[in-house]
Protein backbone atom coordinates (compact mmCIF):
# COMPACT_ATOMS: atom_id res chain seq x y z
CA MET A 1 81.33 94.32 44.82
CA PRO A 2 79.35 91.97 47.61
CA THR A 3 79.17 94.06 50.58
CA ASN A 4 80.80 91.72 52.89
CA ILE A 5 83.91 92.43 51.81
CA ILE A 6 86.00 95.49 52.12
CA SER A 7 88.90 96.42 49.45
CA ASN A 8 92.46 96.75 50.31
CA LYS A 9 92.69 100.24 50.03
CA TYR A 10 90.44 100.32 53.21
CA ILE A 11 92.10 97.86 55.01
CA LYS A 12 95.99 99.14 54.42
CA PRO A 13 95.20 102.69 56.26
CA VAL A 14 92.89 101.44 58.90
CA LEU A 15 96.00 98.79 59.55
CA SER A 16 98.04 101.95 59.87
CA LEU A 17 96.30 103.87 62.20
CA THR A 18 95.63 100.77 64.14
CA LEU A 19 98.94 100.33 64.46
CA LEU A 20 100.30 103.93 65.57
CA ILE A 21 97.12 104.10 68.19
CA LEU A 22 98.94 100.45 69.30
CA VAL A 23 102.35 101.94 69.98
CA TYR A 24 101.51 105.19 71.19
CA SER A 25 99.34 103.62 74.07
CA CYS A 26 102.26 101.30 74.74
CA GLN A 27 104.48 104.46 75.00
CA ASN A 28 102.14 106.17 77.29
CA LYS A 29 101.63 103.38 79.73
CA GLN A 30 105.57 102.91 79.89
CA ALA A 31 106.07 106.27 80.77
CA SER A 32 103.09 106.20 83.31
CA ASP A 33 104.75 103.22 85.07
CA VAL A 34 108.45 104.79 84.91
CA ASN A 35 106.38 108.13 86.51
CA ALA A 36 104.67 105.34 88.82
CA GLU A 37 108.08 103.83 90.11
CA ARG A 38 109.91 107.13 90.15
CA PHE A 39 107.16 108.38 92.62
CA ASP A 40 107.81 106.89 95.96
CA PRO A 41 105.43 108.47 98.72
CA VAL A 42 107.31 107.54 101.55
CA LYS A 43 110.14 109.43 100.38
CA GLU A 44 108.39 112.02 99.27
CA SER A 45 107.07 112.57 102.73
CA GLU A 46 110.72 112.81 104.23
CA LYS A 47 111.21 115.99 102.56
CA PHE A 48 108.27 117.58 103.93
CA SER A 49 109.09 116.31 107.12
CA PRO A 50 112.91 115.85 107.41
CA PRO A 51 114.93 114.98 110.38
CA GLU A 52 115.72 118.34 111.75
CA THR A 53 112.46 119.35 112.01
CA ARG A 54 110.87 116.51 114.06
CA LEU A 55 111.01 116.26 118.04
CA ILE A 56 113.75 114.06 119.21
CA PRO A 57 113.06 111.87 122.91
CA LYS A 58 115.39 113.71 125.06
CA GLY A 59 116.73 111.82 128.38
CA THR A 60 118.15 108.43 128.59
CA HIS A 61 116.31 105.49 128.94
CA ALA A 62 116.29 105.85 132.76
CA GLU A 63 115.30 109.33 133.25
CA LEU A 64 112.36 109.28 131.05
CA GLY A 65 110.93 105.73 131.85
CA LEU A 66 111.78 107.23 135.84
CA ALA A 67 109.04 110.07 134.85
CA GLY A 68 106.50 107.54 133.84
CA TYR A 69 106.93 105.46 137.02
CA ALA A 70 106.53 108.39 138.38
CA LYS A 71 103.38 109.48 136.75
CA VAL A 72 101.54 106.25 137.23
CA PHE A 73 102.42 106.04 140.65
CA CYS A 74 100.74 109.77 140.90
CA SER A 75 98.03 108.68 139.37
CA ALA A 76 97.26 105.24 141.27
CA LEU A 77 97.10 107.37 144.52
CA PHE A 78 95.27 110.20 143.67
CA VAL A 79 92.95 108.91 140.53
CA SER A 80 92.43 105.30 142.12
CA GLY A 81 93.12 105.49 145.98
CA ARG A 82 94.77 102.88 145.92
CA GLU A 83 97.74 101.91 148.91
CA PRO A 84 101.39 103.35 148.34
CA GLU A 85 103.74 100.49 148.39
CA GLU A 86 101.02 97.84 146.80
CA ALA A 87 100.83 100.34 143.94
CA PHE A 88 103.94 101.01 143.80
CA GLN A 89 105.22 97.49 143.33
CA ASN A 90 102.42 96.83 141.20
CA SER A 91 102.02 99.69 138.40
CA GLY A 92 104.33 101.87 136.42
CA PHE A 93 107.27 99.57 137.56
CA PHE A 94 107.53 98.58 133.54
CA PHE A 95 108.70 101.79 132.22
CA MET A 96 112.21 100.94 133.89
CA ALA A 97 114.84 98.57 133.33
CA GLU A 98 114.39 95.55 135.49
CA ASP A 99 117.47 95.25 136.78
CA LEU A 100 116.90 99.24 137.79
CA GLN A 101 113.38 98.41 139.30
CA ASP A 102 114.53 97.65 142.58
CA LYS A 103 116.98 100.97 143.17
CA VAL A 104 113.60 103.13 142.60
CA THR A 105 112.89 104.89 146.05
CA TYR A 106 109.56 107.08 146.11
CA SER A 107 108.25 110.23 148.52
CA ILE A 108 104.93 111.37 148.66
CA ASP A 109 103.58 114.83 149.15
CA ILE A 110 99.78 114.42 150.36
CA ASP A 111 99.10 117.98 150.52
CA ASN A 112 100.57 119.06 147.28
CA LYS A 113 99.26 115.75 145.66
CA SER A 114 102.24 115.17 144.39
CA VAL A 115 104.91 112.25 144.16
CA MET A 116 108.71 111.94 143.59
CA LEU A 117 110.66 109.34 142.07
CA ASN A 118 114.64 108.61 142.57
CA LEU A 119 116.98 106.62 140.85
CA GLY A 120 119.84 106.73 143.17
CA ASP A 121 120.71 110.11 144.10
CA SER A 122 121.06 111.69 141.07
CA ILE A 123 117.86 110.71 138.72
CA ILE A 124 114.78 112.81 140.23
CA ARG A 125 111.04 112.68 138.01
CA SER A 126 108.02 113.87 139.77
CA ALA A 127 104.23 114.33 139.12
CA GLN A 128 101.26 116.13 140.50
CA TYR A 129 97.79 115.25 140.54
CA SER A 130 96.29 118.48 138.69
CA GLY A 131 92.67 118.00 139.58
CA ASP A 132 89.89 116.73 136.92
CA GLN A 133 93.39 116.27 134.33
CA GLY A 134 95.03 113.61 136.65
CA CYS A 135 98.28 113.36 137.19
CA ILE A 136 100.82 114.99 135.04
CA ILE A 137 105.15 114.97 134.99
CA THR A 138 106.05 117.91 136.31
CA THR A 139 108.43 119.53 133.81
CA THR A 140 110.62 122.97 134.65
CA GLN A 141 107.96 125.26 132.34
CA GLY A 142 105.18 123.81 134.37
CA LEU A 143 101.70 123.24 132.86
CA GLN A 144 101.56 124.76 129.31
CA PHE A 145 97.58 124.84 129.88
CA GLU A 146 94.80 125.84 132.89
CA PRO A 147 92.90 122.48 133.99
CA VAL A 148 89.57 122.76 133.94
CA SER A 149 87.01 121.24 136.62
CA VAL A 150 84.64 118.33 134.32
CA PHE A 151 80.83 118.73 136.24
CA THR A 152 78.14 115.92 135.51
CA SER A 153 75.00 117.01 134.89
CA LEU A 154 73.51 113.86 136.28
CA PRO A 155 72.28 113.41 139.80
CA ASP A 156 73.50 110.70 142.60
CA ALA A 157 73.97 107.24 140.86
CA MET A 158 72.51 105.62 143.78
CA THR A 159 68.87 107.51 142.91
CA GLN A 160 68.75 105.75 139.38
CA ASP A 161 68.90 102.77 138.03
CA TRP A 162 70.96 100.62 135.78
CA PRO A 163 72.32 101.39 133.49
CA MET A 164 71.45 105.41 133.68
CA GLY A 165 72.34 104.71 137.87
CA ASP A 166 73.60 102.15 140.28
CA LYS A 167 70.78 100.74 141.80
CA THR A 168 70.48 97.02 140.96
CA SER A 169 68.04 94.50 141.68
CA GLU A 170 68.82 90.72 143.00
CA GLU A 171 66.61 89.03 140.42
CA THR A 172 67.56 86.03 139.57
CA SER A 173 68.88 85.69 135.83
CA TYR A 174 66.59 83.09 133.94
CA GLY A 175 68.58 80.85 131.40
CA ILE A 176 71.99 81.07 133.35
CA ASP A 177 73.87 77.92 135.40
CA GLN A 178 74.33 79.92 138.30
CA ASP A 179 77.10 77.69 139.41
CA LEU A 180 78.96 77.53 136.50
CA LEU A 181 78.76 81.24 136.12
CA ASN A 182 79.95 81.53 140.20
CA GLU A 183 82.89 79.18 139.11
CA ALA A 184 83.46 81.58 136.54
CA VAL A 185 83.41 84.87 138.51
CA ASP A 186 85.86 82.17 141.27
CA LEU A 187 87.94 81.32 138.60
CA ALA A 188 88.92 85.44 137.77
CA PHE A 189 90.53 85.99 141.46
CA TYR A 190 91.83 82.35 141.16
CA HIS A 191 95.25 83.02 141.23
CA THR A 192 96.51 86.26 144.01
CA GLU A 193 99.26 87.06 141.27
CA ALA A 194 96.66 87.78 138.63
CA LEU A 195 95.71 90.99 140.41
CA THR A 196 92.21 90.82 139.24
CA ALA A 197 91.29 94.28 140.99
CA ALA A 198 87.65 94.16 138.85
CA PHE A 199 85.38 91.71 137.03
CA LEU A 200 81.75 92.43 135.68
CA VAL A 201 79.77 90.68 133.59
CA ILE A 202 76.65 92.14 132.18
CA HIS A 203 73.66 89.85 130.16
CA LYS A 204 71.09 91.20 128.27
CA GLY A 205 71.58 94.79 130.15
CA LYS A 206 71.75 93.41 133.44
CA ILE A 207 74.43 92.53 135.91
CA ILE A 208 74.69 89.02 136.19
CA ALA A 209 78.26 89.13 137.97
CA GLU A 210 80.37 91.27 139.53
CA ARG A 211 83.29 91.55 142.47
CA TYR A 212 86.53 93.58 143.11
CA MET A 213 89.89 92.70 144.89
CA GLU A 214 89.87 93.99 148.54
CA GLY A 215 89.91 97.52 148.65
CA ILE A 216 88.37 98.01 145.09
CA ASP A 217 85.06 98.92 144.69
CA LYS A 218 82.22 99.87 142.04
CA ASN A 219 83.87 103.46 142.52
CA THR A 220 87.03 103.03 141.80
CA GLN A 221 88.81 104.87 138.43
CA LEU A 222 91.12 102.27 137.58
CA GLU A 223 94.32 102.13 134.75
CA SER A 224 92.63 101.09 131.42
CA TRP A 225 95.93 101.62 129.40
CA SER A 226 94.78 101.55 125.79
CA MET A 227 90.83 100.98 126.20
CA GLY A 228 91.14 104.57 125.69
CA LYS A 229 92.08 104.16 121.91
CA SER A 230 88.56 102.45 122.03
CA LEU A 231 86.89 105.61 123.81
CA THR A 232 89.32 108.05 121.26
CA ALA A 233 87.00 106.20 118.69
CA THR A 234 84.02 106.54 120.24
CA LEU A 235 84.13 110.05 120.59
CA ILE A 236 84.87 110.83 117.13
CA GLY A 237 81.55 108.45 116.11
CA ARG A 238 80.00 111.05 118.25
CA MET A 239 81.32 113.94 116.46
CA ILE A 240 80.79 112.36 113.19
CA LYS A 241 77.15 111.64 114.05
CA GLN A 242 76.81 115.69 115.03
CA GLY A 243 78.01 116.60 111.31
CA TYR A 244 81.78 118.04 112.53
CA PHE A 245 83.42 115.68 109.71
CA LYS A 246 82.53 112.22 107.56
CA ILE A 247 84.73 109.28 108.10
CA ASP A 248 85.96 109.34 104.75
CA ASP A 249 86.92 113.02 105.20
CA PRO A 250 91.60 113.97 104.13
CA ALA A 251 92.75 114.44 108.29
CA PRO A 252 92.53 118.35 108.55
CA VAL A 253 95.89 118.44 110.02
CA ASP A 254 97.63 121.64 109.19
CA GLU A 255 101.36 119.99 108.80
CA TRP A 256 100.32 117.84 106.35
CA GLN A 257 98.50 120.23 103.88
CA GLN A 258 101.50 121.55 102.07
CA GLU A 259 101.19 120.95 97.68
CA GLY A 260 102.65 117.63 97.29
CA ASP A 261 102.84 116.26 100.73
CA PRO A 262 101.53 112.42 100.66
CA ARG A 263 100.34 112.66 104.11
CA LYS A 264 97.63 114.98 102.64
CA GLU A 265 96.36 111.47 101.82
CA ILE A 266 95.61 110.34 105.15
CA THR A 267 91.63 109.91 105.87
CA ILE A 268 90.13 109.73 109.35
CA LYS A 269 89.26 105.92 108.71
CA ASN A 270 92.77 105.41 108.18
CA LEU A 271 93.37 106.61 111.66
CA LEU A 272 90.86 105.05 113.01
CA GLN A 273 92.16 101.97 111.45
CA MET A 274 95.97 102.64 112.19
CA SER A 275 96.58 102.58 108.75
CA ALA A 276 97.86 105.94 108.18
CA GLY A 277 101.23 104.60 107.42
CA LEU A 278 103.15 107.29 109.80
CA ARG A 279 106.64 106.10 111.23
CA PHE A 280 106.37 105.34 114.80
CA THR A 281 108.17 102.98 116.21
CA SER A 282 106.43 100.75 118.76
CA HIS A 283 107.48 97.26 120.88
CA ARG A 284 104.51 95.23 118.30
CA ASP A 285 106.98 96.33 114.81
CA PRO A 286 108.16 93.23 113.25
CA VAL A 287 111.36 94.66 113.37
CA LEU A 288 112.32 97.43 115.18
CA GLU A 289 114.21 99.93 113.48
CA GLN A 290 117.77 100.01 114.42
CA ASP A 291 118.43 103.72 114.68
CA SER A 292 115.53 103.52 117.40
CA LYS A 293 117.24 104.97 120.38
CA TYR A 294 113.91 105.37 122.71
CA LEU A 295 110.44 103.80 121.29
CA ASP A 296 108.05 107.05 119.96
CA HIS A 297 105.55 104.61 121.23
CA MET A 298 106.68 104.97 124.89
CA PHE A 299 108.08 108.83 124.61
CA ILE A 300 104.20 110.09 124.30
CA TYR A 301 104.18 108.51 128.11
CA THR A 302 107.61 109.67 129.60
CA GLY A 303 108.50 112.68 127.71
CA ALA A 304 106.47 115.39 128.96
CA VAL A 305 105.91 116.83 125.57
CA ASP A 306 103.08 117.92 123.17
CA ALA A 307 102.10 114.61 122.32
CA PHE A 308 99.80 115.93 119.46
CA GLU A 309 102.53 117.71 117.77
CA TYR A 310 105.09 114.66 117.79
CA SER A 311 102.69 112.81 116.51
CA GLN A 312 102.04 114.73 113.53
CA LYS A 313 105.59 115.50 112.51
CA ARG A 314 106.51 112.09 111.41
CA PRO A 315 107.21 110.67 107.88
CA LEU A 316 105.30 107.95 106.19
CA GLN A 317 106.88 104.45 106.51
CA PHE A 318 104.23 103.01 104.18
CA PRO A 319 102.09 104.48 101.62
CA VAL A 320 98.86 105.65 103.61
CA GLY A 321 96.34 103.03 103.91
CA THR A 322 98.68 99.72 103.09
CA VAL A 323 99.68 98.58 105.94
CA GLY A 324 98.17 98.18 109.29
CA ARG A 325 100.32 98.47 112.17
CA TYR A 326 99.76 99.36 115.85
CA ARG A 327 101.03 102.96 116.38
CA ASN A 328 100.22 105.43 119.14
CA CYS A 329 100.28 108.49 116.61
CA ASP A 330 97.33 107.23 114.32
CA PRO A 331 94.73 107.54 117.60
CA LEU A 332 96.83 110.80 119.08
CA THR A 333 96.52 112.63 115.65
CA LEU A 334 92.68 112.04 115.94
CA GLY A 335 92.60 113.89 119.12
CA TYR A 336 94.55 116.46 117.95
CA ILE A 337 91.86 116.49 115.23
CA MET A 338 89.10 116.39 117.79
CA ARG A 339 90.57 119.33 119.41
CA LYS A 340 90.86 121.18 116.94
CA ILE A 341 87.52 121.12 115.42
CA LEU A 342 85.86 121.49 118.62
CA GLU A 343 87.44 124.70 120.10
CA ALA A 344 86.85 126.36 116.17
CA ASN A 345 83.19 125.76 116.98
CA GLY A 346 83.83 127.09 119.85
CA LYS A 347 83.43 123.89 122.38
CA SER A 348 85.65 123.06 125.65
CA TYR A 349 87.49 120.31 124.65
CA LEU A 350 88.32 119.21 128.05
CA THR A 351 84.63 118.87 128.78
CA TYR A 352 83.11 117.85 125.78
CA PRO A 353 83.46 114.26 126.39
CA GLN A 354 81.72 114.36 129.84
CA GLU A 355 79.05 116.28 128.29
CA GLU A 356 78.35 114.75 125.43
CA LEU A 357 78.85 111.09 125.95
CA PHE A 358 79.21 109.90 129.38
CA ASP A 359 75.84 112.04 130.92
CA LYS A 360 73.77 110.24 128.11
CA ILE A 361 74.82 106.98 128.97
CA GLY A 362 75.18 107.21 132.95
CA ILE A 363 79.01 107.47 133.25
CA ARG A 364 79.51 110.42 136.26
CA LYS A 365 83.27 110.66 136.20
CA GLN A 366 86.20 109.03 134.00
CA MET A 367 89.36 110.30 134.39
CA MET A 368 90.96 111.19 131.01
CA GLU A 369 94.35 112.27 131.97
CA THR A 370 96.50 115.00 129.18
CA ASP A 371 100.09 116.02 128.55
CA PRO A 372 101.41 119.33 130.13
CA TYR A 373 99.42 121.09 127.33
CA GLY A 374 96.02 119.69 127.69
CA ASN A 375 95.89 117.12 124.84
CA PHE A 376 94.32 114.06 126.17
CA LEU A 377 96.65 111.05 126.24
CA LEU A 378 93.80 108.15 125.42
CA THR A 379 96.40 106.26 123.98
CA GLY A 380 97.08 105.18 127.99
CA TYR A 381 96.51 107.73 130.10
CA ASP A 382 92.75 107.06 131.17
CA TYR A 383 91.47 105.75 134.35
CA GLY A 384 87.41 104.42 134.38
CA THR A 385 85.30 102.08 136.64
CA ALA A 386 84.23 98.40 135.56
CA ARG A 387 80.67 99.88 135.48
CA ASN A 388 81.73 102.89 133.45
CA TRP A 389 83.43 100.39 130.95
CA GLY A 390 80.50 97.75 130.82
CA ARG A 391 78.52 101.00 129.95
CA LEU A 392 80.53 101.97 126.66
CA GLY A 393 80.01 98.07 125.91
CA MET A 394 76.68 98.35 126.43
CA LEU A 395 76.53 101.43 123.92
CA TYR A 396 77.78 99.30 121.27
CA LEU A 397 75.72 96.14 122.10
CA GLN A 398 73.10 98.68 121.49
CA ASP A 399 74.53 99.42 117.64
CA GLY A 400 74.92 103.70 119.43
CA ALA A 401 72.18 103.77 120.62
CA TRP A 402 70.84 104.93 123.95
CA ASN A 403 67.40 105.14 125.89
CA GLY A 404 66.07 105.75 121.81
CA ASP A 405 68.72 108.03 121.30
CA GLN A 406 71.48 107.30 118.40
CA ILE A 407 74.64 108.58 120.18
CA LEU A 408 76.96 107.26 117.69
CA PRO A 409 76.03 106.60 114.09
CA ASP A 410 74.07 103.46 112.95
CA TRP A 411 76.56 101.59 111.28
CA TRP A 412 79.28 102.91 113.22
CA THR A 413 79.57 99.59 115.76
CA GLU A 414 79.60 97.63 112.12
CA PHE A 415 82.80 100.01 111.35
CA VAL A 416 84.56 99.27 114.47
CA SER A 417 84.35 95.52 114.49
CA THR A 418 85.17 94.75 111.19
CA LYS A 419 88.45 93.77 109.98
CA ALA A 420 90.73 96.99 108.84
CA PRO A 421 91.68 96.23 105.17
CA ALA A 422 95.24 97.12 105.41
CA TRP A 423 95.84 94.35 108.47
CA GLU A 424 96.98 90.71 107.39
CA ASP A 425 95.64 89.33 110.07
CA PRO A 426 91.73 89.45 110.73
CA VAL A 427 92.57 90.97 114.62
CA TYR A 428 91.79 94.50 114.43
CA GLY A 429 88.99 96.71 113.05
CA GLY A 430 88.61 100.26 114.11
CA LEU A 431 90.63 101.39 117.04
CA PHE A 432 88.65 98.07 118.33
CA TRP A 433 90.22 94.56 118.73
CA ILE A 434 87.94 91.75 116.71
CA ASN A 435 88.30 87.98 117.09
CA GLY A 436 88.65 87.38 113.67
CA ASN A 437 91.26 84.70 114.80
CA SER A 438 89.22 82.97 117.55
CA SER A 439 91.94 83.92 120.01
CA MET A 440 89.15 84.28 122.52
CA PRO A 441 87.44 81.00 123.34
CA LEU A 442 83.64 83.05 122.35
CA PRO A 443 81.93 83.65 118.89
CA LYS A 444 83.96 85.14 115.87
CA ASP A 445 81.36 88.15 116.16
CA ALA A 446 83.27 89.20 119.49
CA TYR A 447 85.57 92.46 119.36
CA TYR A 448 86.36 94.07 122.58
CA MET A 449 88.75 97.48 124.07
CA ALA A 450 91.99 96.72 124.90
CA GLY A 451 94.10 97.75 127.22
CA GLY A 452 97.89 97.18 128.47
CA GLY A 453 98.36 95.10 131.82
CA GLY A 454 95.56 93.01 131.41
CA GLN A 455 92.17 95.23 130.48
CA ARG A 456 89.24 94.12 128.61
CA THR A 457 85.74 95.23 127.64
CA ILE A 458 84.42 92.46 125.75
CA ILE A 459 81.36 92.69 123.44
CA VAL A 460 79.64 89.82 122.24
CA PRO A 461 76.21 90.71 120.16
CA SER A 462 75.33 87.15 119.80
CA MET A 463 75.26 86.46 123.27
CA ASP A 464 74.31 90.34 124.09
CA LEU A 465 77.02 89.89 126.44
CA VAL A 466 79.34 92.36 128.00
CA VAL A 467 82.63 91.36 130.18
CA VAL A 468 85.00 93.74 131.78
CA ARG A 469 88.23 92.40 133.47
CA LEU A 470 90.54 95.36 134.99
CA GLY A 471 93.44 94.58 136.91
CA HIS A 472 97.48 95.62 138.11
CA PHE A 473 99.82 95.27 134.93
CA ARG A 474 102.45 92.92 137.14
CA GLY A 475 99.47 90.18 137.05
CA SER A 476 99.14 90.31 133.45
CA ALA A 477 100.67 87.49 132.17
CA VAL A 478 98.77 85.33 134.45
CA GLY A 479 95.25 87.55 134.69
CA MET A 480 95.03 86.98 130.56
CA GLU A 481 95.80 82.74 130.32
CA LEU A 482 92.79 83.11 133.68
CA LEU A 483 90.50 85.30 131.43
CA ASN A 484 90.38 82.49 128.18
CA LYS A 485 89.54 80.29 130.64
CA VAL A 486 87.09 82.35 132.48
CA LEU A 487 85.42 83.02 129.10
CA GLN A 488 84.97 79.67 128.24
CA LYS A 489 83.26 78.94 131.57
CA LEU A 490 80.95 81.88 130.99
CA VAL A 491 80.08 80.74 127.78
CA GLU A 492 79.13 77.04 129.23
CA ALA A 493 76.38 79.07 132.05
CA ILE A 494 75.04 81.24 129.22
CA ASN A 495 74.35 78.66 126.80
């Protein structure tokens, strides 16, 4: 028999065996598909975070709103040093329903550095300055931590040249159209209703433009809101550089460690990219949940609760890493991780940012406020000068290095400025916004820190440029409309 011909007695058994294998494989696949369909991580997470175990917002919208208003007003006075009536009119009002805003009155206790806000005769809320942890909403339980003084190791800022200090020269910026630059700065302050408080332009490491609203100067700590999320990213990057954890590590949250809890899959990276999938109602949600009596996003500002605990006790809304949503719970959980790891290593959580970040890049004071439990509320309760934010922008322009010291991992700036995979639109990176949809008239490589009320720190690597714009909340709509025109003129001036 020729060698290339196989006998039937061999073919039949082989075909039978092949058929059996195919049938078995199909059955296994069907079983796997059924099991996959049966396992829903969102439903499963509800078992580990049932409604009765979650913290629920307590208080009416008016009561909670008044508490947030009191906190912001307190900070405007005792952190920023603003005039009472101006601050009362222009910051914090948005926590109240529009029809109640003109019914709120205030009183100030200068000696105790506290404020009290009244809505009619029945609702009263107050806040008090606590020192280097800023203003905190007062409760009947009082503070649940001991405030700590935060000191800088740096000499007086006027004894050092920019950027480690505040001494600047009047050097001419060659290659820049000075007339167009001046027009850009004038435009930033053109409409008084924009309430632009500070405008700073840094090009090739030098301050080429700087202006402030009357009553504000380079030392004024101004409301910065969600730019603090990018500050959270920077602190996490610093901790990664120091070897405390890795970016792909599972998030070490005790609440999520039970066997079978799908939240165990959440990583540090998921939290940085706001794609952990936790259910946390926000005004930015495409569709608000019908059972949302008060938004979680706002409650961490107004509820005077342990914001870290509140954020962790959320079930999933989406499978981990599949959907990008702007949620305060993700950066707050990173704050919890930061505190947990630092304290486990014998470090001071409240002084770590000054010692391990700010002192290294010339920032002598940055106000990072806490909840009554001593947790940084860097999702919004943070205050910095225009030059502080400018220095942070420069740190990113320099790929996380400063004076030869690699503060952040050398890959960090690329990570935070690259589109997060779970976000549909190319607008978000790693707790930084990106210019992927060209919403700003800047090169595509621009990325930025953004805060409510029109706060921006914009980083443009291809132009070696940092732009900082800070303003009071009531002027945000006009201010942001102006900013795009300002940026367009800046590009013309520099190019």
